[in-house]
Protein backbone atom coordinates (compact mmCIF):
# COMPACT_ATOMS: atom_id res chain seq x y z
CA MET A 1 0.00 0.00 0.00
CA THR A 2 1.26 3.47 -0.82
CA TYR A 3 0.41 6.54 1.21
CA ASN A 4 1.34 8.86 -1.64
CA ILE A 5 -1.04 10.43 -4.12
CA ASN A 6 -2.31 8.41 -7.10
CA GLU A 7 -2.44 9.60 -10.72
CA LYS A 8 -6.03 10.79 -10.28
CA GLY A 9 -5.09 13.10 -7.42
CA TYR A 10 -6.35 10.98 -4.52
CA TYR A 11 -4.83 9.68 -1.32
CA GLY A 12 -6.96 6.57 -0.84
CA GLU A 13 -10.49 7.96 -1.00
CA PHE A 14 -9.47 11.54 -0.19
CA GLY A 15 -8.40 14.40 -2.47
CA GLY A 16 -9.53 15.17 -6.00
CA ALA A 17 -10.52 18.54 -7.45
CA TYR A 18 -14.06 19.63 -6.62
CA ILE A 19 -14.07 23.08 -8.13
CA PRO A 20 -16.39 25.51 -9.88
CA GLU A 21 -16.16 25.32 -13.66
CA MET A 22 -14.65 28.81 -13.79
CA LEU A 23 -11.57 27.60 -11.90
CA TYR A 24 -11.07 24.54 -14.06
CA PRO A 25 -8.64 26.17 -16.56
CA ASN A 26 -6.37 27.50 -13.76
CA VAL A 27 -6.24 24.25 -11.85
CA GLU A 28 -5.86 22.15 -14.99
CA GLU A 29 -2.99 24.33 -16.26
CA LEU A 30 -1.21 23.78 -12.97
CA ARG A 31 -1.95 20.04 -12.92
CA GLN A 32 -0.58 19.53 -16.42
CA ASN A 33 2.61 21.44 -15.71
CA TYR A 34 3.65 21.16 -12.07
CA LEU A 35 5.52 17.82 -12.23
CA LYS A 36 7.22 18.68 -15.54
CA VAL A 37 8.37 22.06 -14.22
CA MET A 38 9.59 20.65 -10.91
CA VAL A 39 11.99 18.20 -12.53
CA GLU A 40 13.53 20.75 -14.92
CA PRO A 41 17.22 21.13 -14.00
CA GLU A 42 17.00 24.97 -14.10
CA PHE A 43 13.99 24.93 -11.76
CA GLN A 44 15.76 22.55 -9.36
CA GLU A 45 18.89 24.67 -9.44
CA GLU A 46 17.06 27.94 -8.74
CA PHE A 47 14.88 26.36 -6.02
CA ASN A 48 17.83 24.76 -4.23
CA ALA A 49 19.99 27.89 -4.49
CA LEU A 50 17.25 30.01 -2.90
CA LEU A 51 16.67 27.43 -0.15
CA LYS A 52 20.38 27.53 0.63
CA ASP A 53 21.29 31.20 0.27
CA TYR A 54 17.98 32.94 0.99
CA VAL A 55 16.12 30.64 3.40
CA GLY A 56 19.27 29.41 5.14
CA ARG A 57 18.77 25.66 4.67
CA PRO A 58 19.56 23.05 5.76
CA SER A 59 17.78 23.85 9.01
CA PRO A 60 19.57 22.21 11.97
CA LEU A 61 18.49 18.92 13.51
CA TYR A 62 19.05 19.73 17.16
CA PHE A 63 19.36 17.18 19.98
CA ALA A 64 17.29 18.61 22.86
CA LYS A 65 19.44 17.32 25.70
CA ARG A 66 17.51 18.58 28.73
CA LEU A 67 14.13 17.73 27.22
CA SER A 68 15.42 14.25 26.37
CA GLU A 69 16.58 13.76 29.95
CA LYS A 70 13.22 14.87 31.31
CA TYR A 71 11.26 12.39 29.20
CA ASN A 72 13.95 9.66 29.11
CA THR A 73 14.07 9.34 25.32
CA LYS A 74 16.06 10.90 22.45
CA ILE A 75 14.31 14.05 21.25
CA TYR A 76 15.54 15.84 18.16
CA LEU A 77 14.03 19.12 16.98
CA LYS A 78 13.95 19.89 13.27
CA ARG A 79 14.53 23.63 13.48
CA GLU A 80 12.22 25.06 10.81
CA ASP A 81 11.86 28.05 13.13
CA LEU A 82 15.35 29.12 12.02
CA ASN A 83 14.34 29.57 8.38
CA HIS A 84 14.07 33.08 6.93
CA THR A 85 10.62 34.42 7.98
CA GLY A 86 10.55 32.05 10.96
CA ALA A 87 8.69 28.96 9.78
CA HIS A 88 8.51 26.12 7.27
CA LYS A 89 6.10 28.13 5.08
CA ILE A 90 8.90 29.73 3.03
CA ASN A 91 9.91 26.34 1.51
CA ASN A 92 6.58 26.15 -0.29
CA THR A 93 6.22 29.82 -1.26
CA ILE A 94 9.64 29.80 -2.95
CA GLY A 95 8.66 26.71 -4.93
CA GLN A 96 5.30 28.17 -5.90
CA ILE A 97 6.60 31.62 -6.90
CA LEU A 98 9.08 29.94 -9.26
CA MET A 99 6.19 27.84 -10.61
CA ALA A 100 4.00 30.94 -11.08
CA LYS A 101 6.76 32.73 -12.99
CA ARG A 102 7.20 29.78 -15.33
CA LEU A 103 3.44 29.76 -15.97
CA GLY A 104 3.57 33.48 -16.83
CA LYS A 105 1.58 34.76 -13.82
CA ASN A 106 2.33 38.26 -12.54
CA ARG A 107 -0.20 38.62 -9.72
CA ILE A 108 -0.12 36.46 -6.58
CA ILE A 109 -2.89 35.86 -4.06
CA ALA A 110 -2.73 33.91 -0.80
CA GLU A 111 -4.74 33.13 2.32
CA THR A 112 -3.26 33.16 5.79
CA GLY A 113 -4.31 32.29 9.34
CA ALA A 114 -1.45 32.87 11.74
CA GLY A 115 0.14 35.16 9.18
CA GLN A 116 3.27 33.05 8.61
CA HIS A 117 2.18 31.93 5.14
CA GLY A 118 1.13 35.50 4.33
CA VAL A 119 4.55 36.78 5.37
CA ALA A 120 6.31 34.03 3.40
CA THR A 121 4.20 34.84 0.30
CA ALA A 122 4.78 38.60 0.64
CA THR A 123 8.50 37.86 1.05
CA VAL A 124 8.86 35.90 -2.18
CA CYS A 125 6.69 38.41 -4.08
CA ALA A 126 9.03 41.18 -2.96
CA LEU A 127 11.97 39.02 -3.99
CA MET A 128 10.51 38.48 -7.48
CA GLY A 129 8.83 41.89 -7.92
CA LEU A 130 5.27 40.53 -8.24
CA GLU A 131 2.01 42.02 -6.98
CA CYS A 132 0.79 40.34 -3.77
CA ILE A 133 -2.69 40.27 -2.20
CA VAL A 134 -3.14 38.36 1.07
CA TYR A 135 -6.56 37.49 2.48
CA MET A 136 -6.73 37.17 6.25
CA GLY A 137 -9.64 36.82 8.68
CA GLU A 138 -10.46 39.96 10.63
CA ILE A 139 -10.00 38.10 13.93
CA ASP A 140 -6.58 36.78 12.87
CA ILE A 141 -5.56 40.28 11.77
CA ALA A 142 -6.22 41.46 15.32
CA ARG A 143 -4.37 38.61 17.05
CA GLN A 144 -1.40 38.49 14.67
CA ALA A 145 -0.66 42.21 14.31
CA PRO A 146 3.15 41.87 13.95
CA ASN A 147 2.74 39.59 10.94
CA VAL A 148 0.23 41.98 9.35
CA ALA A 149 2.80 44.78 9.73
CA ARG A 150 5.47 42.56 8.16
CA MET A 151 3.28 41.81 5.14
CA LYS A 152 2.60 45.51 4.60
CA MET A 153 6.30 46.37 4.95
CA LEU A 154 7.03 43.74 2.30
CA GLY A 155 4.64 45.51 -0.08
CA ALA A 156 1.61 43.21 0.16
CA THR A 157 -2.00 44.34 0.30
CA VAL A 158 -3.75 42.66 3.27
CA VAL A 159 -7.49 42.24 2.72
CA PRO A 160 -9.64 41.36 5.76
CA ALA A 161 -12.17 38.52 5.47
CA LEU A 162 -15.32 39.78 7.19
CA SER A 163 -17.64 36.80 6.71
CA GLY A 164 -18.28 33.67 8.81
CA SER A 165 -15.89 33.15 11.71
CA ARG A 166 -13.51 35.73 10.15
CA THR A 167 -10.58 33.30 10.40
CA LEU A 168 -8.59 31.04 8.05
CA LYS A 169 -11.51 29.23 6.38
CA ASP A 170 -13.10 32.58 5.44
CA ALA A 171 -9.81 34.01 4.17
CA THR A 172 -9.54 30.94 1.91
CA ASN A 173 -13.07 31.51 0.60
CA GLU A 174 -12.18 35.12 -0.27
CA ALA A 175 -8.97 34.07 -2.03
CA ILE A 176 -10.85 31.51 -4.15
CA ARG A 177 -13.42 34.20 -5.08
CA ASP A 178 -10.59 36.50 -6.19
CA TRP A 179 -9.07 33.70 -8.30
CA ILE A 180 -12.38 33.07 -10.07
CA ASN A 181 -12.53 36.79 -10.94
CA ASN A 182 -8.89 36.99 -12.10
CA PRO A 183 -8.18 33.66 -13.80
CA VAL A 184 -5.62 34.64 -16.43
CA ASN A 185 -2.80 36.53 -14.71
CA THR A 186 -3.17 35.29 -11.12
CA HIS A 187 -1.57 32.38 -9.30
CA TYR A 188 -3.02 31.34 -5.94
CA ILE A 189 -0.27 30.24 -3.53
CA ILE A 190 -2.08 27.90 -1.15
CA GLY A 191 -0.20 27.64 2.13
CA SER A 192 -0.97 24.09 3.17
CA VAL A 193 -1.58 20.59 1.80
CA VAL A 194 -5.23 21.48 1.16
CA GLY A 195 -7.25 22.59 -1.85
CA PRO A 196 -7.91 20.90 -5.19
CA HIS A 197 -5.39 18.53 -6.77
CA PRO A 198 -2.53 19.23 -7.55
CA TYR A 199 -2.08 21.58 -4.57
CA PRO A 200 -1.83 18.99 -1.76
CA ASP A 201 0.80 17.04 -3.70
CA MET A 202 2.70 20.10 -4.95
CA VAL A 203 2.91 21.68 -1.48
CA ALA A 204 3.97 18.33 0.05
CA ARG A 205 6.74 17.99 -2.55
CA PHE A 206 8.08 21.48 -1.83
CA GLN A 207 7.98 20.77 1.91
CA ALA A 208 9.60 17.32 1.44
CA ILE A 209 12.99 19.04 1.80
CA VAL A 210 12.33 18.73 5.56
CA SER A 211 12.28 14.90 5.67
CA GLU A 212 15.02 14.72 3.04
CA GLU A 213 17.32 16.64 5.41
CA ILE A 214 16.19 14.66 8.47
CA GLN A 215 17.44 11.46 6.77
CA TRP A 216 21.02 12.54 6.21
CA GLN A 217 21.24 14.63 9.40
CA LEU A 218 20.12 11.67 11.50
CA LYS A 219 22.62 9.44 9.71
CA GLU A 220 25.37 11.79 10.91
CA LYS A 221 24.10 11.87 14.50
CA GLU A 222 22.63 8.41 15.14
CA ASP A 223 24.08 6.40 12.25
CA THR A 224 20.59 5.67 10.92
CA SER A 225 18.52 7.58 8.40
CA LYS A 226 15.30 6.39 10.06
CA PRO A 227 13.88 7.90 13.22
CA ASP A 228 11.57 5.70 15.31
CA TYR A 229 8.98 8.48 15.38
CA VAL A 230 8.31 11.70 13.47
CA VAL A 231 6.00 14.11 15.28
CA ALA A 232 4.39 17.22 13.79
CA CYS A 233 1.41 19.47 14.48
CA VAL A 234 -1.39 19.43 11.92
CA GLY A 235 -3.80 22.20 10.98
CA GLY A 236 -4.04 21.87 7.23
CA GLY A 237 -0.84 19.89 7.59
CA SER A 238 2.01 21.22 5.44
CA ASN A 239 4.82 20.98 8.01
CA ALA A 240 3.67 17.45 8.88
CA ALA A 241 3.51 16.51 5.18
CA GLY A 242 7.09 17.74 4.76
CA ALA A 243 8.37 15.97 7.87
CA PHE A 244 6.57 12.71 6.98
CA TYR A 245 7.12 12.73 3.21
CA HIS A 246 10.17 10.49 2.77
CA PHE A 247 8.92 8.10 5.46
CA LEU A 248 5.31 7.69 4.24
CA ASP A 249 5.76 4.20 2.84
CA ASP A 250 8.36 3.08 5.40
CA THR A 251 6.28 1.59 8.20
CA ASP A 252 9.36 1.18 10.43
CA VAL A 253 9.01 4.92 11.02
CA LYS A 254 5.97 5.74 13.13
CA LEU A 255 4.15 8.99 12.33
CA ILE A 256 2.37 11.09 14.94
CA ALA A 257 0.13 13.98 13.88
CA VAL A 258 -0.85 16.38 16.65
CA GLU A 259 -4.08 18.35 16.38
CA ALA A 260 -5.52 21.19 18.43
CA ALA A 261 -8.09 20.01 20.98
CA GLY A 262 -8.70 23.64 21.95
CA ARG A 263 -10.64 23.71 25.22
CA GLY A 264 -11.21 19.95 24.98
CA VAL A 265 -12.05 17.64 22.09
CA HIS A 266 -15.77 17.53 22.95
CA SER A 267 -16.03 21.03 24.44
CA GLY A 268 -17.53 22.52 21.29
CA GLU A 269 -14.37 24.65 21.04
CA SER A 270 -11.85 22.44 19.28
CA ALA A 271 -10.09 21.82 15.98
CA ALA A 272 -9.49 18.07 16.39
CA THR A 273 -10.62 17.13 12.88
CA SER A 274 -9.61 13.47 13.04
CA VAL A 275 -11.92 12.85 16.01
CA LEU A 276 -14.74 15.23 15.10
CA GLY A 277 -14.55 15.21 11.31
CA LYS A 278 -16.66 13.36 8.78
CA GLU A 279 -16.02 13.01 5.07
CA GLY A 280 -16.89 16.16 3.20
CA ILE A 281 -15.67 18.67 0.64
CA ILE A 282 -13.88 21.86 1.61
CA HIS A 283 -11.91 24.25 -0.57
CA GLY A 284 -11.87 21.89 -3.53
CA SER A 285 -10.97 18.51 -2.05
CA LYS A 286 -12.66 15.58 -0.36
CA THR A 287 -11.32 15.15 3.14
CA LEU A 288 -12.27 14.91 6.81
CA LEU A 289 -14.16 17.98 7.88
CA MET A 290 -15.86 19.21 11.06
CA GLN A 291 -19.51 19.67 10.15
CA THR A 292 -23.04 19.71 11.50
CA PRO A 293 -25.38 16.74 10.81
CA ASP A 294 -26.77 18.64 7.80
CA GLY A 295 -23.30 19.28 6.37
CA GLN A 296 -22.64 22.88 7.43
CA ILE A 297 -19.02 23.52 8.40
CA THR A 298 -18.65 23.97 12.17
CA GLU A 299 -16.37 26.68 13.49
CA PRO A 300 -13.04 25.34 14.71
CA TYR A 301 -11.28 26.83 17.70
CA SER A 302 -7.68 26.81 18.89
CA ILE A 303 -5.54 29.24 20.84
CA SER A 304 -3.16 28.86 17.90
CA ALA A 305 -4.18 30.85 14.83
CA GLY A 306 -2.45 28.33 12.57
CA LEU A 307 -4.33 25.23 13.75
CA ASP A 308 -7.96 26.41 13.77
CA TYR A 309 -8.89 24.98 10.38
CA PRO A 310 -12.10 22.88 10.25
CA GLY A 311 -10.57 20.25 7.95
CA VAL A 312 -7.28 18.53 7.37
CA GLY A 313 -5.37 17.94 4.13
CA PRO A 314 -6.38 14.80 2.18
CA MET A 315 -2.97 13.16 2.76
CA HIS A 316 -3.56 13.36 6.52
CA ALA A 317 -7.18 12.21 6.21
CA HIS A 318 -5.82 9.10 4.48
CA LEU A 319 -3.02 8.62 7.05
CA TYR A 320 -5.66 8.76 9.77
CA LYS A 321 -8.27 6.55 8.10
CA SER A 322 -5.69 3.92 7.10
CA GLY A 323 -4.08 3.91 10.55
CA ARG A 324 -0.66 4.81 9.11
CA ALA A 325 -0.35 7.82 11.43
CA GLU A 326 -1.41 8.14 15.05
CA PHE A 327 -3.44 11.29 15.71
CA ILE A 328 -3.28 12.91 19.14
CA ALA A 329 -5.31 15.99 20.16
CA ILE A 330 -3.70 18.46 22.59
CA THR A 331 -5.53 21.16 24.55
CA ASP A 332 -4.62 24.86 24.62
CA ASP A 333 -3.36 24.60 28.19
CA ASP A 334 -1.13 21.59 27.54
CA ALA A 335 0.32 23.20 24.41
CA MET A 336 1.07 26.48 26.18
CA THR A 337 2.78 24.65 29.06
CA ALA A 338 4.90 22.61 26.63
CA GLY A 339 5.90 25.81 24.81
CA LEU A 340 7.02 27.47 28.03
CA ASP A 341 8.88 24.29 29.00
CA LEU A 342 10.92 24.44 25.80
CA CYS A 343 11.74 28.10 26.49
CA LYS A 344 13.01 27.33 29.98
CA MET A 345 14.75 24.03 29.23
CA GLU A 346 16.31 24.62 25.82
CA GLY A 347 16.27 28.39 25.33
CA ILE A 348 13.99 28.15 22.30
CA ILE A 349 10.67 30.04 22.07
CA PRO A 350 8.41 27.97 19.80
CA ALA A 351 5.31 28.95 17.86
CA ILE A 352 2.15 27.78 19.65
CA GLU A 353 1.45 25.46 16.69
CA SER A 354 4.75 23.64 17.34
CA SER A 355 4.07 23.63 21.10
CA HIS A 356 1.15 21.29 20.42
CA ALA A 357 3.62 18.76 18.96
CA LEU A 358 5.94 19.14 21.97
CA ALA A 359 3.08 18.48 24.38
CA ILE A 360 2.78 14.80 23.40
CA PHE A 361 5.64 13.81 25.71
CA GLU A 362 3.27 14.33 28.65
CA HIS A 363 0.72 12.03 26.99
CA LYS A 364 2.75 9.25 25.39
CA LYS A 365 5.63 7.19 26.76
CA PHE A 366 8.67 6.58 24.56
CA GLN A 367 11.51 4.10 25.10
CA PRO A 368 14.94 5.39 26.22
CA ASP A 369 16.56 4.44 22.89
CA ASP A 370 13.70 5.74 20.69
CA VAL A 371 14.77 8.49 18.32
CA VAL A 372 11.88 10.97 18.19
CA VAL A 373 12.11 13.81 15.66
CA VAL A 374 9.74 16.71 16.33
CA SER A 375 9.09 19.27 13.61
CA LEU A 376 9.59 22.64 15.28
CA SER A 377 7.63 24.33 12.54
CA GLY A 378 7.85 27.96 13.63
CA ARG A 379 9.29 30.44 16.08
CA GLY A 380 7.25 32.05 18.80
CA ASP A 381 7.75 35.79 18.36
CA LYS A 382 4.44 36.05 16.46
CA ASP A 383 2.73 34.49 19.52
CA LEU A 384 4.38 36.49 22.31
CA ASP A 385 1.19 38.42 23.00
CA THR A 386 -0.77 35.16 23.45
CA TYR A 387 1.94 33.69 25.70
CA ILE A 388 2.04 36.91 27.76
CA LYS A 389 -1.74 36.91 28.29
CA HIS A 390 -1.92 33.18 29.00
CA PHE A 391 0.83 33.11 31.59
CA LYS A 392 0.31 36.71 32.80
CA LEU A 393 4.01 37.33 32.19
């Protein structure tokens, strides 16, 4: 069994392209070209050079000595927080901006929740001199003010989404509307492994640099290219897709996806899609989706602006349904405590998204010789305000 995408754009029963007819030409143009473009030597060369000299890759694989001692296992952190712009998001936006240029697009749109993808998109648009419009929920604009300022400084126009819950889902709706109205010159840089095929696969391939590096870095440190576990937080799931990618079909490597339980999985204020989701269609793909009995999307909640998405990417829906990955839901309080722990024990301030992944050590026992790689997907400066309020610092 393979856990990768098939030629029709599905992971098992999840994926596909469920799109309005007006978007068909855009999505089809991308589908026909993305794999061809990605293997072109010039594309590879430009992509890899930018990852090295602009993003600062490879990101370190850091042995968290004090954390490992506390939990009596070997914990390595894949330091995506050290990338330019402070998260894994830049890996994908660099790939997609190069793709957009090759397809002759000169206007870029994006959606963003926590603002990291918006910043990464605005960054590469500035780098390439392309127009950039970022859609962001009004509530997220308020709680992620530093990232909004960054986007504006980088020359992007930030458009508030004022409908629905005024968060990530609504920003995505607005971006799709824009794309329908501007089909010819616009490329939509989706920030996660969501959306219609080929987006989930394309984003996963650009993020696969993460697991590619983990393999050779671990070989240097532990004399094996295979960790026992790879752990990553999942909202839409792009950092997890990148961290899992090269291990998907290697069942010796156990995969753990960590979702946001919010105030408790069954509290009515949660984003634990694997537990609460049913099959449905959101933003162009069939996946697991939190919804009411009559199929209306329910509002997700998480203290982390990057994890409050009501669905999960189709790759992760398949990993969950097939049992290939273990899904664990972590509450706001547990995530915040784990984040502060990392600050005090390792001198690293993580994004609240990544803190959810770190919190599993309080919930799951690992063996002393297990090698556990945690994707530290982002740095915490964007979340300082939330940390300050939570801990009354």
